[in-house]
N, C-alpha and C. Protein backbone atom coordinates (compact mmCIF):
# COMPACT_ATOMS: atom_id res chain seq x y z
N MET A 1 30.29 22.55 -24.53
CA MET A 1 29.66 22.07 -23.75
C MET A 1 28.79 21.20 -23.77
N ALA A 2 28.86 21.12 -25.07
CA ALA A 2 27.47 20.37 -25.70
C ALA A 2 28.08 18.82 -25.94
N VAL A 3 29.39 18.79 -26.30
CA VAL A 3 30.42 16.88 -25.85
C VAL A 3 30.04 16.44 -24.57
N LEU A 4 30.02 17.62 -23.04
CA LEU A 4 30.26 17.26 -21.65
C LEU A 4 28.37 16.68 -21.88
N ILE A 5 27.94 17.65 -22.20
CA ILE A 5 25.99 17.20 -21.77
C ILE A 5 26.17 15.39 -22.64
N ALA A 6 26.80 15.61 -24.05
CA ALA A 6 26.27 14.52 -24.57
C ALA A 6 27.76 13.52 -24.14
N ALA A 7 28.74 13.61 -23.92
CA ALA A 7 29.34 12.08 -23.07
C ALA A 7 28.57 12.13 -21.63
N THR A 8 28.01 12.83 -20.92
CA THR A 8 26.51 12.46 -19.51
C THR A 8 25.78 11.74 -19.75
N MET A 9 25.34 11.92 -20.75
CA MET A 9 24.09 11.34 -21.30
C MET A 9 24.28 10.00 -21.83
N ALA A 10 25.42 9.71 -22.55
CA ALA A 10 25.95 8.68 -23.07
C ALA A 10 26.09 7.46 -22.05
N SER A 11 26.75 8.31 -21.14
CA SER A 11 27.51 6.94 -19.68
C SER A 11 25.99 6.57 -18.88
N GLY A 12 24.97 7.71 -19.04
CA GLY A 12 24.05 7.78 -18.47
C GLY A 12 23.06 6.58 -18.90
N LEU A 13 22.97 6.59 -19.88
CA LEU A 13 22.50 5.22 -20.73
C LEU A 13 22.74 4.10 -20.38
N ILE A 14 24.23 3.73 -21.11
CA ILE A 14 25.37 2.82 -20.44
C ILE A 14 24.58 2.05 -19.20
N CYS A 15 24.83 3.38 -17.93
CA CYS A 15 24.89 2.42 -16.61
C CYS A 15 23.40 2.17 -16.46
N PHE A 16 22.43 2.70 -17.29
CA PHE A 16 20.82 2.29 -16.56
C PHE A 16 21.18 1.00 -17.67
N TYR A 17 21.08 0.48 -18.35
CA TYR A 17 21.27 -0.22 -19.47
C TYR A 17 22.08 -1.53 -18.93
N LEU A 18 23.04 -1.11 -18.15
CA LEU A 18 23.98 -2.46 -17.71
C LEU A 18 23.15 -2.85 -16.18
N GLY A 19 22.91 -1.71 -15.41
CA GLY A 19 22.20 -1.86 -14.18
C GLY A 19 20.75 -2.65 -14.55
N HIS A 20 19.81 -2.30 -15.15
CA HIS A 20 18.45 -2.61 -16.07
C HIS A 20 18.83 -4.02 -16.56
N ARG A 21 19.86 -5.01 -16.46
CA ARG A 21 20.25 -5.94 -17.20
C ARG A 21 20.32 -6.67 -15.96
N ALA A 22 21.11 -5.81 -15.20
CA ALA A 22 21.95 -6.87 -13.82
C ALA A 22 20.53 -7.10 -12.92
N GLY A 23 19.22 -6.35 -12.87
CA GLY A 23 17.98 -6.88 -12.10
C GLY A 23 17.72 -5.84 -11.13
N VAL A 24 17.46 -4.77 -11.98
CA VAL A 24 16.29 -3.27 -11.93
C VAL A 24 14.68 -3.97 -11.85
N LYS A 25 14.96 -4.97 -13.21
CA LYS A 25 14.06 -5.52 -13.40
C LYS A 25 13.03 -6.06 -12.16
N ASP A 26 14.62 -7.08 -11.83
CA ASP A 26 13.37 -8.31 -10.46
C ASP A 26 13.26 -7.12 -9.51
N GLY A 27 14.13 -6.12 -9.01
CA GLY A 27 14.00 -4.91 -8.08
C GLY A 27 12.71 -4.46 -8.46
N ILE A 28 12.25 -4.02 -9.38
CA ILE A 28 11.02 -3.32 -9.55
C ILE A 28 9.81 -4.46 -9.40
N LYS A 29 9.55 -5.67 -9.82
CA LYS A 29 9.11 -6.65 -9.56
C LYS A 29 8.42 -7.00 -7.93
N LYS A 30 9.82 -6.77 -7.57
CA LYS A 30 9.64 -7.24 -6.11
C LYS A 30 9.47 -5.82 -4.91
N ALA A 31 9.60 -4.64 -5.63
CA ALA A 31 8.63 -3.31 -4.76
C ALA A 31 6.94 -3.62 -4.92
N ASP A 32 6.88 -4.44 -6.09
CA ASP A 32 5.60 -3.33 -6.73
C ASP A 32 4.77 -4.98 -5.71
N LYS A 33 5.55 -6.08 -5.58
CA LYS A 33 4.84 -7.11 -4.48
C LYS A 33 5.00 -6.48 -3.07
N PHE A 34 5.54 -5.89 -2.59
CA PHE A 34 6.38 -5.19 -1.60
C PHE A 34 4.83 -4.52 -1.25
N ILE A 35 4.93 -3.75 -2.25
CA ILE A 35 3.46 -2.15 -2.29
C ILE A 35 1.95 -2.85 -2.00
N MET A 36 2.01 -3.97 -2.90
CA MET A 36 0.36 -4.68 -3.00
C MET A 36 0.35 -5.48 -1.49
N ALA A 37 1.09 -5.92 -0.95
CA ALA A 37 1.56 -6.34 0.69
C ALA A 37 0.80 -5.78 1.50
N PHE A 38 1.48 -4.44 1.18
CA PHE A 38 1.60 -3.23 2.54
C PHE A 38 -0.01 -2.52 2.11
N ILE A 39 -0.12 -2.16 1.31
CA ILE A 39 -1.69 -1.82 0.88
C ILE A 39 -2.47 -2.58 1.55
N GLU A 40 -2.27 -4.26 0.84
CA GLU A 40 -3.72 -5.48 1.76
C GLU A 40 -3.11 -5.29 3.61
N PHE A 41 -2.05 -5.10 3.95
CA PHE A 41 -2.36 -5.31 4.78
C PHE A 41 -2.74 -3.85 5.99
N SER A 42 -2.29 -3.16 5.22
CA SER A 42 -3.48 -1.52 5.35
C SER A 42 -4.45 -1.50 4.87
N ASN A 43 -5.67 -2.86 4.49
CA ASN A 43 -6.58 -2.08 4.48
C ASN A 43 -7.21 -3.49 5.63
N GLN A 44 -6.40 -4.35 5.53
CA GLN A 44 -6.50 -5.47 7.06
C GLN A 44 -6.71 -4.21 8.26
N PHE A 45 -5.72 -3.51 8.54
CA PHE A 45 -5.25 -3.06 9.86
C PHE A 45 -6.42 -1.87 9.67
N ASP A 46 -7.21 -1.19 8.52
CA ASP A 46 -7.94 -0.25 9.04
C ASP A 46 -9.39 -0.66 9.28
N ALA A 47 -9.37 -2.15 9.22
CA ALA A 47 -10.58 -3.02 8.75
C ALA A 47 -10.97 -3.38 10.47
N MET A 48 -9.82 -3.55 10.94
CA MET A 48 -9.47 -3.97 12.37
C MET A 48 -9.67 -3.20 13.27
N MET A 49 -8.95 -1.59 13.21
CA MET A 49 -8.92 -0.37 13.90
C MET A 49 -10.46 0.14 14.19
N LYS A 50 -11.45 0.22 12.84
CA LYS A 50 -12.37 0.39 13.08
C LYS A 50 -13.47 -0.70 13.67
N GLU A 51 -12.93 -1.53 14.12
CA GLU A 51 -13.80 -3.07 15.00
C GLU A 51 -13.44 -2.95 16.31
N ILE A 52 -12.15 -2.45 16.51
CA ILE A 52 -11.95 -2.29 17.84
C ILE A 52 -12.50 -0.59 18.26
N ASN A 53 -12.93 0.64 17.30
CA ASN A 53 -13.09 1.36 18.11
C ASN A 53 -14.67 1.68 17.77
N GLU A 54 -15.58 0.36 16.97
CA GLU A 54 -16.90 0.38 17.12
C GLU A 54 -16.97 -0.45 18.72
N VAL A 55 -16.07 -1.28 18.91
CA VAL A 55 -16.17 -1.85 20.70
C VAL A 55 -16.08 -1.07 21.81
N LEU A 56 -15.21 -0.49 21.73
CA LEU A 56 -14.62 0.62 22.68
C LEU A 56 -15.90 1.74 22.74
N LYS A 57 -16.01 2.40 21.46
CA LYS A 57 -17.31 3.49 21.50
C LYS A 57 -18.80 2.34 22.55
N ASP A 58 -18.92 1.37 21.81
CA ASP A 58 -20.26 0.59 22.80
C ASP A 58 -19.98 0.52 23.98
N GLU A 59 -18.05 0.40 24.66
CA GLU A 59 -18.01 -0.23 26.10
C GLU A 59 -18.70 1.45 26.94
N ILE A 60 -17.99 2.62 26.31
CA ILE A 60 -17.94 3.60 26.90
C ILE A 60 -19.47 4.06 26.77
N GLU A 61 -20.25 3.73 26.14
CA GLU A 61 -21.55 3.76 26.43
C GLU A 61 -22.15 2.94 27.22
N ARG A 62 -21.85 1.75 27.35
CA ARG A 62 -22.41 1.31 28.48
C ARG A 62 -21.71 1.78 30.02
N LEU A 63 -20.63 1.80 29.86
CA LEU A 63 -19.88 2.69 31.19
C LEU A 63 -20.85 3.92 31.48
N LYS A 64 -21.40 4.29 30.69
CA LYS A 64 -22.03 5.75 30.71
C LYS A 64 -23.57 5.57 31.67
N GLY A 65 -24.32 4.42 30.60
CA GLY A 65 -25.01 3.95 31.34
C GLY A 65 -25.19 3.44 32.76
N GLU A 66 -24.05 2.39 33.14
CA GLU A 66 -23.94 1.99 34.63
C GLU A 66 -24.00 3.70 35.44
N GLU A 67 -22.70 4.03 34.97
CA GLU A 67 -22.62 5.64 36.01
C GLU A 67 -23.87 5.91 36.25
N ASN A 68 -24.67 6.46 35.03
CA ASN A 68 -25.79 7.23 35.44
C ASN A 68 -27.21 6.57 36.04
N ALA A 69 -26.78 5.07 35.84
CA ALA A 69 -28.18 4.46 36.95
C ALA A 69 -27.45 4.78 38.49
N SER A 70 -26.44 4.32 38.49
CA SER A 70 -25.73 4.46 39.98
C SER A 70 -25.79 5.61 40.74
N THR A 71 -25.73 6.95 39.88
CA THR A 71 -26.41 7.85 40.15
C THR A 71 -27.74 8.42 40.81
N GLU A 72 -28.18 7.67 39.71
CA GLU A 72 -29.97 7.73 40.39
C GLU A 72 -30.26 6.90 41.42
N GLN A 73 -29.52 6.03 41.52
CA GLN A 73 -29.73 4.99 42.82
C GLN A 73 -29.38 5.86 43.75
N PHE A 74 -28.34 6.39 43.78
CA PHE A 74 -27.38 7.03 45.19
C PHE A 74 -28.84 8.32 45.60
N SER A 75 -28.98 9.07 44.37
CA SER A 75 -29.46 9.97 44.50
C SER A 75 -31.40 9.89 45.42
N LYS A 76 -31.72 9.03 45.39
CA LYS A 76 -32.79 8.66 45.73
C LYS A 76 -32.79 8.17 46.96
């Protein structure tokens, strides 16, 4: 059993070393760049959605004010 475990670990180490030499380093760098770009996009998206939310709140308040003004005008 110990021989099988040792052989599995050795083959895993060899595969890891070959994969690392074959470009895993570049893949990790690309993934890091992608993650950073996604975080930047997410922050910009959140800021844009916050702005849209504020505009919508202002518009809702304006419409409520117009509705109240029109109901007051008709009630007189």
